[in-house]
Amino acid sequence: MSDIEEQFFFQCRALGLPQPEREYPFAKQKMKRNWRADFCWPDRRLLVEIEGGVWAHGRHVRGAGFEKDIEKYNAAVMLGYKLLRFSSAMVKSGEAITTVEEALRTP
């Protein structure tokens, strides 16, 4: 887990939110893929991805990595998951946890 993922997990605990599963293998059974989501609330079918390296030209913003992420995210939606994506800055500012808190309140 990256430091920013640890920070997000801590925010979940601090707000008393239901604890997410980490590195959740959302496509293993139905699609036979080993894709994992950073965080998942399986009972709510909610996935969260924390995108690192956005400003440092990391994997998520370079061509091949970006296309693989699109494939993964589209598969998650096709399997019936809601997908929320956040940058490190969004976690640090509290925007990510506020959005997740709202998503968990929404049926």
N, C-alpha and C. Protein backbone atom coordinates (compact mmCIF):
# COMPACT_ATOMS: atom_id res chain seq x y z
N MET A 1 0.83 -1.19 0.00
CA MET A 1 0.00 0.00 0.00
C MET A 1 0.87 1.25 0.00
N SER A 2 0.46 2.19 -0.81
CA SER A 2 1.19 3.46 -0.85
C SER A 2 0.81 4.31 0.37
N ASP A 3 1.60 5.33 0.63
CA ASP A 3 1.30 6.23 1.75
C ASP A 3 -0.05 6.90 1.58
N ILE A 4 -0.39 7.27 0.35
CA ILE A 4 -1.65 7.96 0.12
C ILE A 4 -2.84 7.01 0.32
N GLU A 5 -2.66 5.74 -0.03
CA GLU A 5 -3.71 4.75 0.23
C GLU A 5 -3.87 4.52 1.73
N GLU A 6 -2.77 4.52 2.45
CA GLU A 6 -2.83 4.40 3.91
C GLU A 6 -3.58 5.59 4.51
N GLN A 7 -3.32 6.78 3.97
CA GLN A 7 -4.00 7.97 4.45
C GLN A 7 -5.51 7.86 4.21
N PHE A 8 -5.90 7.40 3.04
CA PHE A 8 -7.32 7.23 2.74
C PHE A 8 -7.96 6.22 3.69
N PHE A 9 -7.29 5.10 3.92
CA PHE A 9 -7.81 4.07 4.83
C PHE A 9 -7.97 4.64 6.24
N PHE A 10 -7.00 5.43 6.69
CA PHE A 10 -7.08 6.08 8.00
C PHE A 10 -8.29 7.02 8.06
N GLN A 11 -8.53 7.77 6.98
CA GLN A 11 -9.68 8.67 6.93
C GLN A 11 -10.99 7.89 7.08
N CYS A 12 -11.06 6.75 6.43
CA CYS A 12 -12.26 5.90 6.56
C CYS A 12 -12.50 5.51 8.01
N ARG A 13 -11.44 5.08 8.67
CA ARG A 13 -11.54 4.68 10.09
C ARG A 13 -11.91 5.87 10.96
N ALA A 14 -11.26 7.02 10.72
CA ALA A 14 -11.47 8.20 11.55
C ALA A 14 -12.92 8.69 11.48
N LEU A 15 -13.56 8.51 10.34
CA LEU A 15 -14.96 8.93 10.19
C LEU A 15 -15.95 7.85 10.60
N GLY A 16 -15.44 6.69 10.98
CA GLY A 16 -16.32 5.59 11.39
C GLY A 16 -17.07 4.96 10.24
N LEU A 17 -16.54 5.08 9.04
CA LEU A 17 -17.18 4.46 7.88
C LEU A 17 -16.99 2.95 7.93
N PRO A 18 -17.87 2.21 7.27
CA PRO A 18 -17.63 0.77 7.16
C PRO A 18 -16.25 0.56 6.52
N GLN A 19 -15.51 -0.40 7.04
CA GLN A 19 -14.16 -0.61 6.54
C GLN A 19 -14.17 -1.28 5.17
N PRO A 20 -13.44 -0.71 4.23
CA PRO A 20 -13.38 -1.32 2.90
C PRO A 20 -12.41 -2.50 2.89
N GLU A 21 -12.63 -3.37 1.94
CA GLU A 21 -11.63 -4.40 1.67
C GLU A 21 -10.56 -3.77 0.79
N ARG A 22 -9.33 -4.14 1.03
CA ARG A 22 -8.21 -3.57 0.28
C ARG A 22 -7.71 -4.57 -0.75
N GLU A 23 -7.27 -4.04 -1.89
CA GLU A 23 -6.77 -4.87 -2.99
C GLU A 23 -7.79 -5.95 -3.34
N TYR A 24 -9.01 -5.53 -3.56
CA TYR A 24 -10.14 -6.43 -3.78
C TYR A 24 -10.15 -6.97 -5.21
N PRO A 25 -10.13 -8.30 -5.39
CA PRO A 25 -10.10 -8.92 -6.73
C PRO A 25 -11.51 -8.99 -7.34
N PHE A 26 -11.96 -7.87 -7.90
CA PHE A 26 -13.36 -7.75 -8.33
C PHE A 26 -13.72 -8.55 -9.57
N ALA A 27 -12.77 -8.97 -10.39
CA ALA A 27 -13.09 -9.63 -11.66
C ALA A 27 -12.63 -11.08 -11.72
N LYS A 28 -12.13 -11.59 -10.62
CA LYS A 28 -11.52 -12.92 -10.63
C LYS A 28 -12.51 -14.02 -11.01
N GLN A 29 -13.69 -14.03 -10.43
CA GLN A 29 -14.63 -15.13 -10.67
C GLN A 29 -15.32 -15.03 -12.02
N LYS A 30 -15.85 -13.86 -12.36
CA LYS A 30 -16.65 -13.75 -13.57
C LYS A 30 -15.84 -13.57 -14.84
N MET A 31 -14.70 -12.90 -14.75
CA MET A 31 -13.93 -12.60 -15.95
C MET A 31 -12.58 -13.33 -15.98
N LYS A 32 -12.29 -14.05 -14.91
CA LYS A 32 -11.01 -14.77 -14.80
C LYS A 32 -9.82 -13.83 -14.97
N ARG A 33 -9.96 -12.59 -14.47
CA ARG A 33 -8.88 -11.61 -14.51
C ARG A 33 -8.43 -11.35 -13.09
N ASN A 34 -7.18 -11.00 -12.92
CA ASN A 34 -6.64 -10.76 -11.60
C ASN A 34 -6.63 -9.27 -11.25
N TRP A 35 -7.54 -8.50 -11.84
CA TRP A 35 -7.62 -7.08 -11.52
C TRP A 35 -8.04 -6.90 -10.07
N ARG A 36 -7.44 -5.91 -9.44
CA ARG A 36 -7.77 -5.59 -8.05
C ARG A 36 -8.08 -4.10 -7.96
N ALA A 37 -9.05 -3.79 -7.13
CA ALA A 37 -9.35 -2.40 -6.82
C ALA A 37 -8.64 -2.04 -5.53
N ASP A 38 -8.19 -0.80 -5.43
CA ASP A 38 -7.50 -0.37 -4.21
C ASP A 38 -8.37 -0.58 -2.98
N PHE A 39 -9.66 -0.21 -3.11
CA PHE A 39 -10.61 -0.35 -2.00
C PHE A 39 -11.95 -0.79 -2.56
N CYS A 40 -12.67 -1.59 -1.78
CA CYS A 40 -14.00 -2.03 -2.19
C CYS A 40 -14.90 -2.21 -0.98
N TRP A 41 -16.15 -1.80 -1.16
CA TRP A 41 -17.22 -2.12 -0.24
C TRP A 41 -18.11 -3.09 -1.01
N PRO A 42 -17.83 -4.40 -0.92
CA PRO A 42 -18.54 -5.39 -1.75
C PRO A 42 -20.06 -5.34 -1.60
N ASP A 43 -20.55 -5.15 -0.39
CA ASP A 43 -21.99 -5.12 -0.19
C ASP A 43 -22.65 -3.92 -0.87
N ARG A 44 -21.90 -2.87 -1.12
CA ARG A 44 -22.40 -1.69 -1.83
C ARG A 44 -21.97 -1.67 -3.30
N ARG A 45 -21.15 -2.64 -3.68
CA ARG A 45 -20.61 -2.73 -5.05
C ARG A 45 -19.93 -1.41 -5.43
N LEU A 46 -19.14 -0.89 -4.49
CA LEU A 46 -18.44 0.38 -4.66
C LEU A 46 -16.93 0.13 -4.66
N LEU A 47 -16.28 0.56 -5.73
CA LEU A 47 -14.84 0.46 -5.85
C LEU A 47 -14.23 1.86 -5.79
N VAL A 48 -13.06 1.95 -5.17
CA VAL A 48 -12.30 3.21 -5.16
C VAL A 48 -10.89 2.91 -5.64
N GLU A 49 -10.44 3.75 -6.56
CA GLU A 49 -9.06 3.69 -7.06
C GLU A 49 -8.38 5.01 -6.73
N ILE A 50 -7.21 4.92 -6.14
CA ILE A 50 -6.38 6.09 -5.86
C ILE A 50 -5.29 6.12 -6.93
N GLU A 51 -5.33 7.14 -7.76
CA GLU A 51 -4.41 7.25 -8.89
C GLU A 51 -3.15 7.99 -8.49
N GLY A 52 -2.05 7.28 -8.44
CA GLY A 52 -0.78 7.91 -8.10
C GLY A 52 -0.04 8.36 -9.35
N GLY A 53 0.93 9.21 -9.16
CA GLY A 53 1.81 9.62 -10.26
C GLY A 53 1.16 10.50 -11.31
N VAL A 54 0.06 11.16 -10.96
CA VAL A 54 -0.65 11.98 -11.94
C VAL A 54 0.23 13.11 -12.47
N TRP A 55 0.96 13.76 -11.59
CA TRP A 55 1.80 14.89 -12.01
C TRP A 55 3.25 14.48 -12.25
N ALA A 56 3.58 13.23 -11.99
CA ALA A 56 4.96 12.77 -12.16
C ALA A 56 5.09 11.83 -13.36
N HIS A 57 4.12 11.88 -14.25
CA HIS A 57 4.11 11.03 -15.44
C HIS A 57 4.19 9.55 -15.07
N GLY A 58 3.43 9.19 -14.06
CA GLY A 58 3.40 7.80 -13.61
C GLY A 58 2.63 6.89 -14.55
N ARG A 59 2.54 5.65 -14.20
CA ARG A 59 1.93 4.61 -15.03
C ARG A 59 0.52 4.96 -15.48
N HIS A 60 -0.26 5.58 -14.59
CA HIS A 60 -1.67 5.83 -14.88
C HIS A 60 -1.89 6.90 -15.95
N VAL A 61 -0.88 7.67 -16.27
CA VAL A 61 -1.07 8.74 -17.27
C VAL A 61 -0.22 8.54 -18.52
N ARG A 62 0.48 7.44 -18.61
CA ARG A 62 1.23 7.12 -19.83
C ARG A 62 0.39 6.18 -20.68
N GLY A 63 0.60 6.21 -21.97
CA GLY A 63 -0.23 5.50 -22.94
C GLY A 63 -0.66 4.10 -22.58
N ALA A 64 0.27 3.17 -22.47
CA ALA A 64 -0.08 1.76 -22.24
C ALA A 64 -0.78 1.57 -20.89
N GLY A 65 -0.27 2.21 -19.84
CA GLY A 65 -0.88 2.09 -18.52
C GLY A 65 -2.27 2.68 -18.50
N PHE A 66 -2.43 3.81 -19.17
CA PHE A 66 -3.74 4.47 -19.23
C PHE A 66 -4.75 3.57 -19.92
N GLU A 67 -4.37 2.95 -21.03
CA GLU A 67 -5.28 2.06 -21.75
C GLU A 67 -5.63 0.82 -20.93
N LYS A 68 -4.67 0.27 -20.22
CA LYS A 68 -4.96 -0.89 -19.36
C LYS A 68 -5.93 -0.50 -18.24
N ASP A 69 -5.75 0.70 -17.70
CA ASP A 69 -6.67 1.17 -16.67
C ASP A 69 -8.08 1.32 -17.23
N ILE A 70 -8.21 1.84 -18.44
CA ILE A 70 -9.53 1.98 -19.06
C ILE A 70 -10.20 0.61 -19.18
N GLU A 71 -9.45 -0.38 -19.63
CA GLU A 71 -9.99 -1.74 -19.75
C GLU A 71 -10.49 -2.24 -18.39
N LYS A 72 -9.67 -2.06 -17.37
CA LYS A 72 -10.02 -2.50 -16.02
C LYS A 72 -11.27 -1.77 -15.51
N TYR A 73 -11.31 -0.46 -15.67
CA TYR A 73 -12.43 0.32 -15.16
C TYR A 73 -13.72 0.01 -15.90
N ASN A 74 -13.63 -0.17 -17.21
CA ASN A 74 -14.83 -0.55 -17.97
C ASN A 74 -15.35 -1.91 -17.52
N ALA A 75 -14.45 -2.85 -17.26
CA ALA A 75 -14.86 -4.17 -16.79
C ALA A 75 -15.58 -4.06 -15.45
N ALA A 76 -15.07 -3.21 -14.56
CA ALA A 76 -15.72 -3.03 -13.26
C ALA A 76 -17.16 -2.53 -13.42
N VAL A 77 -17.35 -1.58 -14.30
CA VAL A 77 -18.69 -1.05 -14.54
C VAL A 77 -19.58 -2.12 -15.17
N MET A 78 -19.04 -2.86 -16.11
CA MET A 78 -19.82 -3.92 -16.76
C MET A 78 -20.22 -5.01 -15.76
N LEU A 79 -19.44 -5.19 -14.71
CA LEU A 79 -19.76 -6.16 -13.67
C LEU A 79 -20.71 -5.59 -12.61
N GLY A 80 -21.13 -4.35 -12.80
CA GLY A 80 -22.12 -3.76 -11.91
C GLY A 80 -21.58 -2.96 -10.74
N TYR A 81 -20.30 -2.63 -10.77
CA TYR A 81 -19.71 -1.82 -9.70
C TYR A 81 -19.84 -0.33 -10.02
N LYS A 82 -19.96 0.47 -8.96
CA LYS A 82 -19.77 1.91 -9.07
C LYS A 82 -18.27 2.13 -8.84
N LEU A 83 -17.68 2.99 -9.63
CA LEU A 83 -16.24 3.23 -9.55
C LEU A 83 -15.96 4.69 -9.29
N LEU A 84 -15.23 4.97 -8.23
CA LEU A 84 -14.78 6.32 -7.93
C LEU A 84 -13.25 6.35 -8.02
N ARG A 85 -12.75 7.37 -8.70
CA ARG A 85 -11.30 7.52 -8.88
C ARG A 85 -10.85 8.84 -8.28
N PHE A 86 -9.72 8.80 -7.57
CA PHE A 86 -9.22 10.00 -6.91
C PHE A 86 -7.72 10.14 -7.10
N SER A 87 -7.27 11.38 -7.18
CA SER A 87 -5.84 11.68 -7.20
C SER A 87 -5.35 11.79 -5.76
N SER A 88 -4.04 11.81 -5.60
CA SER A 88 -3.44 11.99 -4.27
C SER A 88 -3.90 13.31 -3.66
N ALA A 89 -3.97 14.36 -4.48
CA ALA A 89 -4.39 15.67 -3.98
C ALA A 89 -5.82 15.62 -3.46
N MET A 90 -6.67 14.84 -4.08
CA MET A 90 -8.06 14.73 -3.64
C MET A 90 -8.15 14.01 -2.30
N VAL A 91 -7.26 13.04 -2.07
CA VAL A 91 -7.22 12.36 -0.77
C VAL A 91 -6.74 13.35 0.29
N LYS A 92 -5.66 14.06 -0.01
CA LYS A 92 -5.08 15.00 0.97
C LYS A 92 -6.04 16.12 1.33
N SER A 93 -6.82 16.60 0.37
CA SER A 93 -7.74 17.71 0.63
C SER A 93 -9.01 17.28 1.37
N GLY A 94 -9.29 15.97 1.39
CA GLY A 94 -10.51 15.48 2.00
C GLY A 94 -11.65 15.29 1.01
N GLU A 95 -11.44 15.71 -0.24
CA GLU A 95 -12.49 15.56 -1.25
C GLU A 95 -12.84 14.10 -1.47
N ALA A 96 -11.83 13.23 -1.49
CA ALA A 96 -12.07 11.81 -1.75
C ALA A 96 -12.96 11.20 -0.67
N ILE A 97 -12.60 11.40 0.58
CA ILE A 97 -13.36 10.77 1.66
C ILE A 97 -14.76 11.35 1.76
N THR A 98 -14.93 12.64 1.47
CA THR A 98 -16.25 13.26 1.47
C THR A 98 -17.13 12.63 0.39
N THR A 99 -16.57 12.40 -0.78
CA THR A 99 -17.30 11.79 -1.87
C THR A 99 -17.69 10.36 -1.54
N VAL A 100 -16.76 9.61 -0.96
CA VAL A 100 -17.05 8.21 -0.58
C VAL A 100 -18.11 8.17 0.50
N GLU A 101 -18.01 9.06 1.47
CA GLU A 101 -19.01 9.12 2.53
C GLU A 101 -20.40 9.34 1.93
N GLU A 102 -20.51 10.25 0.97
CA GLU A 102 -21.79 10.50 0.31
C GLU A 102 -22.25 9.28 -0.49
N ALA A 103 -21.32 8.63 -1.20
CA ALA A 103 -21.67 7.44 -1.98
C ALA A 103 -22.17 6.31 -1.09
N LEU A 104 -21.61 6.17 0.08
CA LEU A 104 -22.04 5.12 1.00
C LEU A 104 -23.41 5.41 1.61
N ARG A 105 -23.80 6.68 1.64
CA ARG A 105 -25.13 7.05 2.14
C ARG A 105 -26.20 6.88 1.07
N THR A 106 -25.78 6.89 -0.21
CA THR A 106 -26.72 6.82 -1.32
C THR A 106 -27.07 5.37 -1.62
N PRO A 107 -28.37 5.05 -1.66
CA PRO A 107 -28.75 3.66 -1.93
C PRO A 107 -28.41 3.23 -3.36
